[in-house]
All heavy atoms as atom14 arrays in JSON, in Angstrom:
{
  "sequence": "VSNLQAISTFGTGPLRAVQIDARRGDIYAALYDDAARVVQPEVVTKP",
  "atom14_mask": [
    [1, 1, 1, 1, 1, 1, 1, 0, 0, 0, 0, 0, 0, 0],
    [1, 1, 1, 1, 1, 1, 0, 0, 0, 0, 0, 0, 0, 0],
    [1, 1, 1, 1, 1, 1, 1, 1, 0, 0, 0, 0, 0, 0],
    [1, 1, 1, 1, 1, 1, 1, 1, 0, 0, 0, 0, 0, 0],
    [1, 1, 1, 1, 1, 1, 1, 1, 1, 0, 0, 0, 0, 0],
    [1, 1, 1, 1, 1, 0, 0, 0, 0, 0, 0, 0, 0, 0],
    [1, 1, 1, 1, 1, 1, 1, 1, 0, 0, 0, 0, 0, 0],
    [1, 1, 1, 1, 1, 1, 0, 0, 0, 0, 0, 0, 0, 0],
    [1, 1, 1, 1, 1, 1, 1, 0, 0, 0, 0, 0, 0, 0],
    [1, 1, 1, 1, 1, 1, 1, 1, 1, 1, 1, 0, 0, 0],
    [1, 1, 1, 1, 0, 0, 0, 0, 0, 0, 0, 0, 0, 0],
    [1, 1, 1, 1, 1, 1, 1, 0, 0, 0, 0, 0, 0, 0],
    [1, 1, 1, 1, 0, 0, 0, 0, 0, 0, 0, 0, 0, 0],
    [1, 1, 1, 1, 1, 1, 1, 0, 0, 0, 0, 0, 0, 0],
    [1, 1, 1, 1, 1, 1, 1, 1, 0, 0, 0, 0, 0, 0],
    [1, 1, 1, 1, 1, 1, 1, 1, 1, 1, 1, 0, 0, 0],
    [1, 1, 1, 1, 1, 0, 0, 0, 0, 0, 0, 0, 0, 0],
    [1, 1, 1, 1, 1, 1, 1, 0, 0, 0, 0, 0, 0, 0],
    [1, 1, 1, 1, 1, 1, 1, 1, 1, 0, 0, 0, 0, 0],
    [1, 1, 1, 1, 1, 1, 1, 1, 0, 0, 0, 0, 0, 0],
    [1, 1, 1, 1, 1, 1, 1, 1, 0, 0, 0, 0, 0, 0],
    [1, 1, 1, 1, 1, 0, 0, 0, 0, 0, 0, 0, 0, 0],
    [1, 1, 1, 1, 1, 1, 1, 1, 1, 1, 1, 0, 0, 0],
    [1, 1, 1, 1, 1, 1, 1, 1, 1, 1, 1, 0, 0, 0],
    [1, 1, 1, 1, 0, 0, 0, 0, 0, 0, 0, 0, 0, 0],
    [1, 1, 1, 1, 1, 1, 1, 1, 0, 0, 0, 0, 0, 0],
    [1, 1, 1, 1, 1, 1, 1, 1, 0, 0, 0, 0, 0, 0],
    [1, 1, 1, 1, 1, 1, 1, 1, 1, 1, 1, 1, 0, 0],
    [1, 1, 1, 1, 1, 0, 0, 0, 0, 0, 0, 0, 0, 0],
    [1, 1, 1, 1, 1, 0, 0, 0, 0, 0, 0, 0, 0, 0],
    [1, 1, 1, 1, 1, 1, 1, 1, 0, 0, 0, 0, 0, 0],
    [1, 1, 1, 1, 1, 1, 1, 1, 1, 1, 1, 1, 0, 0],
    [1, 1, 1, 1, 1, 1, 1, 1, 0, 0, 0, 0, 0, 0],
    [1, 1, 1, 1, 1, 1, 1, 1, 0, 0, 0, 0, 0, 0],
    [1, 1, 1, 1, 1, 0, 0, 0, 0, 0, 0, 0, 0, 0],
    [1, 1, 1, 1, 1, 0, 0, 0, 0, 0, 0, 0, 0, 0],
    [1, 1, 1, 1, 1, 1, 1, 1, 1, 1, 1, 0, 0, 0],
    [1, 1, 1, 1, 1, 1, 1, 0, 0, 0, 0, 0, 0, 0],
    [1, 1, 1, 1, 1, 1, 1, 0, 0, 0, 0, 0, 0, 0],
    [1, 1, 1, 1, 1, 1, 1, 1, 1, 0, 0, 0, 0, 0],
    [1, 1, 1, 1, 1, 1, 1, 0, 0, 0, 0, 0, 0, 0],
    [1, 1, 1, 1, 1, 1, 1, 1, 1, 0, 0, 0, 0, 0],
    [1, 1, 1, 1, 1, 1, 1, 0, 0, 0, 0, 0, 0, 0],
    [1, 1, 1, 1, 1, 1, 1, 0, 0, 0, 0, 0, 0, 0],
    [1, 1, 1, 1, 1, 1, 1, 0, 0, 0, 0, 0, 0, 0],
    [1, 1, 1, 1, 1, 1, 1, 1, 1, 0, 0, 0, 0, 0],
    [1, 1, 1, 1, 1, 1, 1, 0, 0, 0, 0, 0, 0, 0]
  ],
  "atom14_positions": [
    [[107.22, 98.0, 107.14], [106.34, 98.41, 108.24], [104.97, 97.78, 108.04], [104.39, 97.87, 106.96], [106.2, 99.96, 108.3], [105.2, 100.38, 109.36], [107.56, 100.61, 108.54], [0.0, 0.0, 0.0], [0.0, 0.0, 0.0], [0.0, 0.0, 0.0], [0.0, 0.0, 0.0], [0.0, 0.0, 0.0], [0.0, 0.0, 0.0], [0.0, 0.0, 0.0]],
    [[104.45, 97.16, 109.07], [103.12, 96.58, 109.02], [102.07, 97.66, 108.77], [102.09, 98.72, 109.41], [102.8, 95.88, 110.34], [101.41, 95.63, 110.46], [0.0, 0.0, 0.0], [0.0, 0.0, 0.0], [0.0, 0.0, 0.0], [0.0, 0.0, 0.0], [0.0, 0.0, 0.0], [0.0, 0.0, 0.0], [0.0, 0.0, 0.0], [0.0, 0.0, 0.0]],
    [[101.14, 97.37, 107.88], [100.04, 98.31, 107.64], [99.25, 98.56, 108.92], [98.85, 99.69, 109.2], [99.06, 97.72, 106.61], [99.63, 97.62, 105.25], [100.83, 97.52, 105.08], [98.77, 97.64, 104.26], [0.0, 0.0, 0.0], [0.0, 0.0, 0.0], [0.0, 0.0, 0.0], [0.0, 0.0, 0.0], [0.0, 0.0, 0.0], [0.0, 0.0, 0.0]],
    [[99.02, 97.5, 109.68], [98.23, 97.64, 110.91], [98.94, 98.54, 111.9], [98.31, 99.4, 112.53], [97.94, 96.27, 111.51], [97.11, 95.32, 110.64], [96.99, 93.95, 111.29], [95.74, 95.89, 110.33], [0.0, 0.0, 0.0], [0.0, 0.0, 0.0], [0.0, 0.0, 0.0], [0.0, 0.0, 0.0], [0.0, 0.0, 0.0], [0.0, 0.0, 0.0]],
    [[100.24, 98.4, 112.04], [101.0, 99.27, 112.93], [100.92, 100.72, 112.45], [100.72, 101.64, 113.25], [102.46, 98.82, 113.01], [103.28, 99.67, 113.97], [104.75, 99.36, 113.94], [105.28, 98.9, 112.92], [105.44, 99.6, 115.04], [0.0, 0.0, 0.0], [0.0, 0.0, 0.0], [0.0, 0.0, 0.0], [0.0, 0.0, 0.0], [0.0, 0.0, 0.0]],
    [[101.07, 100.94, 111.15], [101.01, 102.3, 110.61], [99.63, 102.91, 110.86], [99.52, 104.08, 111.25], [101.34, 102.3, 109.13], [0.0, 0.0, 0.0], [0.0, 0.0, 0.0], [0.0, 0.0, 0.0], [0.0, 0.0, 0.0], [0.0, 0.0, 0.0], [0.0, 0.0, 0.0], [0.0, 0.0, 0.0], [0.0, 0.0, 0.0], [0.0, 0.0, 0.0]],
    [[98.58, 102.14, 110.67], [97.22, 102.64, 110.91], [97.05, 103.04, 112.38], [96.4, 104.04, 112.69], [96.17, 101.6, 110.49], [96.18, 101.42, 108.97], [94.77, 102.0, 110.97], [95.42, 100.19, 108.47], [0.0, 0.0, 0.0], [0.0, 0.0, 0.0], [0.0, 0.0, 0.0], [0.0, 0.0, 0.0], [0.0, 0.0, 0.0], [0.0, 0.0, 0.0]],
    [[97.65, 102.28, 113.29], [97.49, 102.58, 114.72], [97.99, 103.97, 115.08], [97.52, 104.57, 116.04], [98.2, 101.52, 115.57], [99.6, 101.72, 115.62], [0.0, 0.0, 0.0], [0.0, 0.0, 0.0], [0.0, 0.0, 0.0], [0.0, 0.0, 0.0], [0.0, 0.0, 0.0], [0.0, 0.0, 0.0], [0.0, 0.0, 0.0], [0.0, 0.0, 0.0]],
    [[98.92, 104.52, 114.3], [99.46, 105.85, 114.62], [98.44, 106.97, 114.38], [98.68, 108.09, 114.81], [100.74, 106.14, 113.81], [100.43, 106.23, 112.42], [101.81, 105.08, 114.06], [0.0, 0.0, 0.0], [0.0, 0.0, 0.0], [0.0, 0.0, 0.0], [0.0, 0.0, 0.0], [0.0, 0.0, 0.0], [0.0, 0.0, 0.0], [0.0, 0.0, 0.0]],
    [[97.34, 106.66, 113.74], [96.3, 107.67, 113.52], [95.35, 107.77, 114.7], [94.47, 108.63, 114.72], [95.52, 107.36, 112.23], [96.32, 107.62, 111.0], [97.12, 106.63, 110.46], [96.3, 108.86, 110.37], [97.88, 106.85, 109.32], [97.05, 109.11, 109.24], [97.85, 108.1, 108.71], [0.0, 0.0, 0.0], [0.0, 0.0, 0.0], [0.0, 0.0, 0.0]],
    [[95.5, 106.91, 115.69], [94.65, 106.95, 116.87], [95.15, 107.94, 117.9], [96.25, 108.49, 117.77], [0.0, 0.0, 0.0], [0.0, 0.0, 0.0], [0.0, 0.0, 0.0], [0.0, 0.0, 0.0], [0.0, 0.0, 0.0], [0.0, 0.0, 0.0], [0.0, 0.0, 0.0], [0.0, 0.0, 0.0], [0.0, 0.0, 0.0], [0.0, 0.0, 0.0]],
    [[94.35, 108.14, 118.94], [94.73, 109.05, 120.02], [94.63, 108.4, 121.39], [95.09, 108.96, 122.37], [93.83, 110.31, 120.01], [92.46, 109.89, 120.13], [94.01, 111.11, 118.73], [0.0, 0.0, 0.0], [0.0, 0.0, 0.0], [0.0, 0.0, 0.0], [0.0, 0.0, 0.0], [0.0, 0.0, 0.0], [0.0, 0.0, 0.0], [0.0, 0.0, 0.0]],
    [[94.04, 107.22, 121.48], [93.84, 106.56, 122.76], [95.06, 105.77, 123.19], [95.98, 105.52, 122.41], [0.0, 0.0, 0.0], [0.0, 0.0, 0.0], [0.0, 0.0, 0.0], [0.0, 0.0, 0.0], [0.0, 0.0, 0.0], [0.0, 0.0, 0.0], [0.0, 0.0, 0.0], [0.0, 0.0, 0.0], [0.0, 0.0, 0.0], [0.0, 0.0, 0.0]],
    [[95.07, 105.32, 124.46], [96.18, 104.53, 124.96], [96.23, 103.12, 124.37], [97.3, 102.55, 124.23], [95.97, 104.49, 126.48], [94.54, 104.86, 126.68], [94.11, 105.67, 125.52], [0.0, 0.0, 0.0], [0.0, 0.0, 0.0], [0.0, 0.0, 0.0], [0.0, 0.0, 0.0], [0.0, 0.0, 0.0], [0.0, 0.0, 0.0], [0.0, 0.0, 0.0]],
    [[95.06, 102.56, 124.02], [94.98, 101.26, 123.35], [94.21, 101.44, 122.06], [93.1, 101.98, 122.04], [94.28, 100.22, 124.22], [95.05, 99.73, 125.44], [94.2, 98.75, 126.23], [96.36, 99.07, 125.02], [0.0, 0.0, 0.0], [0.0, 0.0, 0.0], [0.0, 0.0, 0.0], [0.0, 0.0, 0.0], [0.0, 0.0, 0.0], [0.0, 0.0, 0.0]],
    [[94.82, 100.96, 120.96], [94.26, 101.23, 119.63], [94.03, 99.93, 118.88], [94.98, 99.21, 118.56], [95.2, 102.13, 118.85], [95.45, 103.43, 119.59], [96.59, 104.21, 119.03], [96.88, 105.38, 119.86], [97.74, 106.3, 119.53], [98.42, 106.21, 118.4], [97.94, 107.32, 120.33], [0.0, 0.0, 0.0], [0.0, 0.0, 0.0], [0.0, 0.0, 0.0]],
    [[92.77, 99.63, 118.61], [92.4, 98.43, 117.88], [92.34, 98.77, 116.39], [91.7, 99.74, 115.99], [91.04, 97.93, 118.35], [0.0, 0.0, 0.0], [0.0, 0.0, 0.0], [0.0, 0.0, 0.0], [0.0, 0.0, 0.0], [0.0, 0.0, 0.0], [0.0, 0.0, 0.0], [0.0, 0.0, 0.0], [0.0, 0.0, 0.0], [0.0, 0.0, 0.0]],
    [[93.03, 97.96, 115.6], [93.09, 98.2, 114.16], [92.61, 96.96, 113.44], [93.01, 95.84, 113.77], [94.54, 98.52, 113.72], [94.61, 98.75, 112.23], [95.09, 99.71, 114.49], [0.0, 0.0, 0.0], [0.0, 0.0, 0.0], [0.0, 0.0, 0.0], [0.0, 0.0, 0.0], [0.0, 0.0, 0.0], [0.0, 0.0, 0.0], [0.0, 0.0, 0.0]],
    [[91.73, 97.18, 112.45], [91.28, 96.06, 111.64], [91.08, 96.52, 110.21], [90.7, 97.66, 109.97], [89.99, 95.47, 112.19], [88.81, 96.41, 112.14], [87.55, 95.83, 112.75], [87.61, 95.24, 113.82], [86.43, 96.01, 112.08], [0.0, 0.0, 0.0], [0.0, 0.0, 0.0], [0.0, 0.0, 0.0], [0.0, 0.0, 0.0], [0.0, 0.0, 0.0]],
    [[91.38, 95.63, 109.26], [91.11, 95.89, 107.86], [90.5, 94.63, 107.25], [90.71, 93.52, 107.76], [92.37, 96.35, 107.08], [93.51, 95.33, 107.19], [92.82, 97.72, 107.53], [94.74, 95.69, 106.36], [0.0, 0.0, 0.0], [0.0, 0.0, 0.0], [0.0, 0.0, 0.0], [0.0, 0.0, 0.0], [0.0, 0.0, 0.0], [0.0, 0.0, 0.0]],
    [[89.78, 94.81, 106.18], [89.11, 93.71, 105.52], [90.11, 92.71, 104.96], [91.03, 93.09, 104.25], [88.22, 94.27, 104.4], [87.37, 93.22, 103.72], [87.22, 92.11, 104.27], [86.83, 93.52, 102.64], [0.0, 0.0, 0.0], [0.0, 0.0, 0.0], [0.0, 0.0, 0.0], [0.0, 0.0, 0.0], [0.0, 0.0, 0.0], [0.0, 0.0, 0.0]],
    [[89.89, 91.43, 105.27], [90.74, 90.36, 104.75], [89.97, 89.5, 103.76], [90.46, 88.46, 103.33], [91.28, 89.5, 105.89], [0.0, 0.0, 0.0], [0.0, 0.0, 0.0], [0.0, 0.0, 0.0], [0.0, 0.0, 0.0], [0.0, 0.0, 0.0], [0.0, 0.0, 0.0], [0.0, 0.0, 0.0], [0.0, 0.0, 0.0], [0.0, 0.0, 0.0]],
    [[88.76, 89.91, 103.44], [87.87, 89.18, 102.52], [87.38, 87.88, 103.15], [87.85, 87.47, 104.19], [88.54, 88.94, 101.18], [89.2, 90.2, 100.65], [88.76, 90.54, 99.32], [89.39, 91.82, 98.98], [89.23, 92.4, 97.88], [88.48, 91.87, 96.96], [89.8, 93.55, 97.64], [0.0, 0.0, 0.0], [0.0, 0.0, 0.0], [0.0, 0.0, 0.0]],
    [[86.44, 87.26, 102.49], [85.84, 86.01, 102.96], [85.24, 86.11, 104.35], [85.23, 85.14, 105.11], [86.85, 84.86, 102.92], [87.3, 84.49, 101.55], [88.19, 83.26, 101.63], [89.24, 83.37, 100.65], [90.48, 83.75, 100.9], [90.88, 84.02, 102.1], [91.35, 83.82, 99.92], [0.0, 0.0, 0.0], [0.0, 0.0, 0.0], [0.0, 0.0, 0.0]],
    [[84.79, 87.3, 104.76], [84.21, 87.49, 106.08], [85.22, 87.61, 107.2], [84.85, 87.64, 108.37], [0.0, 0.0, 0.0], [0.0, 0.0, 0.0], [0.0, 0.0, 0.0], [0.0, 0.0, 0.0], [0.0, 0.0, 0.0], [0.0, 0.0, 0.0], [0.0, 0.0, 0.0], [0.0, 0.0, 0.0], [0.0, 0.0, 0.0], [0.0, 0.0, 0.0]],
    [[86.51, 87.68, 106.86], [87.57, 87.79, 107.86], [88.13, 89.22, 107.91], [87.91, 90.01, 106.99], [88.73, 86.85, 107.53], [88.39, 85.38, 107.7], [87.5, 85.07, 108.51], [89.01, 84.56, 107.0], [0.0, 0.0, 0.0], [0.0, 0.0, 0.0], [0.0, 0.0, 0.0], [0.0, 0.0, 0.0], [0.0, 0.0, 0.0], [0.0, 0.0, 0.0]],
    [[88.87, 89.47, 108.97], [89.61, 90.73, 109.1], [91.05, 90.41, 109.48], [91.33, 89.37, 110.07], [89.0, 91.67, 110.16], [88.94, 90.99, 111.54], [87.65, 92.21, 109.72], [88.63, 91.93, 112.69], [0.0, 0.0, 0.0], [0.0, 0.0, 0.0], [0.0, 0.0, 0.0], [0.0, 0.0, 0.0], [0.0, 0.0, 0.0], [0.0, 0.0, 0.0]],
    [[91.95, 91.33, 109.11], [93.29, 91.36, 109.67], [93.17, 92.32, 110.84], [92.61, 93.41, 110.69], [94.31, 91.9, 108.69], [94.49, 91.09, 107.44], [94.14, 91.6, 106.19], [95.04, 89.81, 107.49], [94.33, 90.87, 105.03], [95.23, 89.07, 106.33], [94.87, 89.6, 105.11], [95.06, 88.88, 103.96], [0.0, 0.0, 0.0], [0.0, 0.0, 0.0]],
    [[93.7, 91.96, 112.0], [93.51, 92.83, 113.16], [94.68, 92.7, 114.13], [95.38, 91.69, 114.16], [92.22, 92.45, 113.87], [0.0, 0.0, 0.0], [0.0, 0.0, 0.0], [0.0, 0.0, 0.0], [0.0, 0.0, 0.0], [0.0, 0.0, 0.0], [0.0, 0.0, 0.0], [0.0, 0.0, 0.0], [0.0, 0.0, 0.0], [0.0, 0.0, 0.0]],
    [[94.85, 93.75, 114.93], [95.85, 93.76, 116.0], [95.51, 94.89, 116.96], [94.73, 95.79, 116.63], [97.25, 93.95, 115.44], [0.0, 0.0, 0.0], [0.0, 0.0, 0.0], [0.0, 0.0, 0.0], [0.0, 0.0, 0.0], [0.0, 0.0, 0.0], [0.0, 0.0, 0.0], [0.0, 0.0, 0.0], [0.0, 0.0, 0.0], [0.0, 0.0, 0.0]],
    [[96.1, 94.82, 118.14], [95.91, 95.85, 119.15], [97.28, 96.45, 119.47], [98.25, 95.71, 119.69], [95.29, 95.25, 120.42], [94.96, 96.22, 121.55], [93.9, 97.24, 121.11], [94.49, 95.46, 122.78], [0.0, 0.0, 0.0], [0.0, 0.0, 0.0], [0.0, 0.0, 0.0], [0.0, 0.0, 0.0], [0.0, 0.0, 0.0], [0.0, 0.0, 0.0]],
    [[97.35, 97.79, 119.49], [98.59, 98.51, 119.73], [98.41, 99.49, 120.88], [97.3, 99.91, 121.19], [99.01, 99.3, 118.48], [99.35, 98.42, 117.32], [98.37, 97.99, 116.43], [100.65, 97.97, 117.12], [98.68, 97.15, 115.37], [100.97, 97.14, 116.07], [99.98, 96.73, 115.19], [100.28, 95.9, 114.16], [0.0, 0.0, 0.0], [0.0, 0.0, 0.0]],
    [[99.54, 99.89, 121.46], [99.49, 100.95, 122.47], [99.75, 102.29, 121.77], [99.9, 102.34, 120.55], [100.45, 100.68, 123.63], [101.93, 100.75, 123.24], [102.27, 101.22, 122.13], [102.76, 100.32, 124.07], [0.0, 0.0, 0.0], [0.0, 0.0, 0.0], [0.0, 0.0, 0.0], [0.0, 0.0, 0.0], [0.0, 0.0, 0.0], [0.0, 0.0, 0.0]],
    [[99.85, 103.35, 122.56], [100.0, 104.69, 121.97], [101.39, 104.96, 121.42], [101.63, 106.0, 120.83], [99.59, 105.77, 122.97], [100.36, 105.7, 124.28], [101.2, 104.79, 124.46], [100.1, 106.56, 125.14], [0.0, 0.0, 0.0], [0.0, 0.0, 0.0], [0.0, 0.0, 0.0], [0.0, 0.0, 0.0], [0.0, 0.0, 0.0], [0.0, 0.0, 0.0]],
    [[102.31, 104.01, 121.58], [103.64, 104.12, 120.97], [103.77, 103.16, 119.79], [104.87, 102.88, 119.33], [104.72, 103.83, 122.01], [0.0, 0.0, 0.0], [0.0, 0.0, 0.0], [0.0, 0.0, 0.0], [0.0, 0.0, 0.0], [0.0, 0.0, 0.0], [0.0, 0.0, 0.0], [0.0, 0.0, 0.0], [0.0, 0.0, 0.0], [0.0, 0.0, 0.0]],
    [[102.64, 102.66, 119.3], [102.57, 101.73, 118.16], [103.27, 100.4, 118.44], [103.74, 99.74, 117.53], [103.12, 102.38, 116.88], [0.0, 0.0, 0.0], [0.0, 0.0, 0.0], [0.0, 0.0, 0.0], [0.0, 0.0, 0.0], [0.0, 0.0, 0.0], [0.0, 0.0, 0.0], [0.0, 0.0, 0.0], [0.0, 0.0, 0.0], [0.0, 0.0, 0.0]],
    [[103.32, 100.02, 119.73], [103.87, 98.71, 120.11], [102.72, 97.7, 120.17], [101.62, 98.03, 120.62], [104.56, 98.78, 121.47], [105.84, 99.6, 121.46], [106.49, 99.6, 122.82], [105.59, 100.21, 123.8], [105.86, 101.3, 124.51], [107.02, 101.91, 124.36], [104.99, 101.77, 125.37], [0.0, 0.0, 0.0], [0.0, 0.0, 0.0], [0.0, 0.0, 0.0]],
    [[103.0, 96.48, 119.75], [101.98, 95.43, 119.71], [101.57, 95.03, 121.12], [102.41, 94.72, 121.96], [102.5, 94.19, 118.95], [101.5, 93.05, 119.03], [102.8, 94.52, 117.51], [0.0, 0.0, 0.0], [0.0, 0.0, 0.0], [0.0, 0.0, 0.0], [0.0, 0.0, 0.0], [0.0, 0.0, 0.0], [0.0, 0.0, 0.0], [0.0, 0.0, 0.0]],
    [[100.25, 95.04, 121.37], [99.68, 94.56, 122.62], [99.07, 93.18, 122.39], [99.24, 92.27, 123.2], [98.62, 95.55, 123.18], [97.94, 95.0, 124.42], [99.26, 96.9, 123.46], [0.0, 0.0, 0.0], [0.0, 0.0, 0.0], [0.0, 0.0, 0.0], [0.0, 0.0, 0.0], [0.0, 0.0, 0.0], [0.0, 0.0, 0.0], [0.0, 0.0, 0.0]],
    [[98.35, 93.03, 121.29], [97.85, 91.74, 120.83], [98.31, 91.57, 119.4], [98.1, 92.45, 118.57], [96.32, 91.66, 120.91], [95.77, 91.58, 122.31], [94.25, 91.45, 122.32], [93.6, 91.31, 121.29], [93.68, 91.51, 123.52], [0.0, 0.0, 0.0], [0.0, 0.0, 0.0], [0.0, 0.0, 0.0], [0.0, 0.0, 0.0], [0.0, 0.0, 0.0]],
    [[98.94, 90.44, 119.07], [99.57, 90.28, 117.75], [98.57, 90.26, 116.6], [97.37, 90.05, 116.78], [100.3, 88.93, 117.86], [99.58, 88.21, 118.94], [99.06, 89.24, 119.89], [0.0, 0.0, 0.0], [0.0, 0.0, 0.0], [0.0, 0.0, 0.0], [0.0, 0.0, 0.0], [0.0, 0.0, 0.0], [0.0, 0.0, 0.0], [0.0, 0.0, 0.0]],
    [[99.12, 90.48, 115.41], [98.32, 90.48, 114.19], [97.76, 89.09, 113.92], [98.46, 88.09, 114.04], [99.18, 90.93, 113.01], [99.67, 92.35, 113.17], [100.55, 92.82, 112.04], [100.87, 92.03, 111.13], [100.92, 94.0, 112.06], [0.0, 0.0, 0.0], [0.0, 0.0, 0.0], [0.0, 0.0, 0.0], [0.0, 0.0, 0.0], [0.0, 0.0, 0.0]],
    [[96.47, 89.07, 113.56], [95.78, 87.82, 113.26], [94.86, 88.02, 112.07], [94.54, 89.16, 111.7], [94.93, 87.32, 114.46], [95.81, 86.95, 115.64], [93.88, 88.35, 114.86], [0.0, 0.0, 0.0], [0.0, 0.0, 0.0], [0.0, 0.0, 0.0], [0.0, 0.0, 0.0], [0.0, 0.0, 0.0], [0.0, 0.0, 0.0], [0.0, 0.0, 0.0]],
    [[94.44, 86.92, 111.48], [93.34, 86.94, 110.53], [92.25, 86.09, 111.18], [92.49, 84.96, 111.57], [93.76, 86.43, 109.12], [94.27, 85.01, 109.16], [92.62, 86.58, 108.14], [0.0, 0.0, 0.0], [0.0, 0.0, 0.0], [0.0, 0.0, 0.0], [0.0, 0.0, 0.0], [0.0, 0.0, 0.0], [0.0, 0.0, 0.0], [0.0, 0.0, 0.0]],
    [[91.07, 86.69, 111.34], [90.01, 86.05, 112.11], [88.66, 86.64, 111.75], [88.57, 87.58, 110.97], [90.31, 86.2, 113.62], [89.37, 85.44, 114.37], [90.25, 87.65, 114.06], [0.0, 0.0, 0.0], [0.0, 0.0, 0.0], [0.0, 0.0, 0.0], [0.0, 0.0, 0.0], [0.0, 0.0, 0.0], [0.0, 0.0, 0.0], [0.0, 0.0, 0.0]],
    [[87.63, 86.11, 112.38], [86.29, 86.68, 112.23], [86.19, 87.92, 113.12], [86.69, 87.93, 114.25], [85.22, 85.66, 112.63], [85.22, 84.41, 111.78], [84.79, 84.72, 110.37], [84.79, 83.45, 109.51], [84.87, 83.76, 108.1], [0.0, 0.0, 0.0], [0.0, 0.0, 0.0], [0.0, 0.0, 0.0], [0.0, 0.0, 0.0], [0.0, 0.0, 0.0]],
    [[85.51, 88.97, 112.65], [85.46, 90.22, 113.43], [84.88, 90.05, 114.83], [85.42, 90.6, 115.79], [84.56, 91.14, 112.59], [84.5, 90.53, 111.24], [84.83, 89.09, 111.37], [0.0, 0.0, 0.0], [0.0, 0.0, 0.0], [0.0, 0.0, 0.0], [0.0, 0.0, 0.0], [0.0, 0.0, 0.0], [0.0, 0.0, 0.0], [0.0, 0.0, 0.0]]
  ]
}
C-alpha cells in the first residue's frame, strides 16, 4: 500500500492533497478523493 494513499485516509474532505518530505527540497505528493482513489498521480517535485 502506498504511504501517500494510506495518509489520504486520515482526511475528511472530498479531495485530499498528501505530501511528505523527499529531501533535497522536494516532496512526494499525490491527490486522492474521499475513497482513497488517485486523482493526480504520485510525483516527486518541488512543493
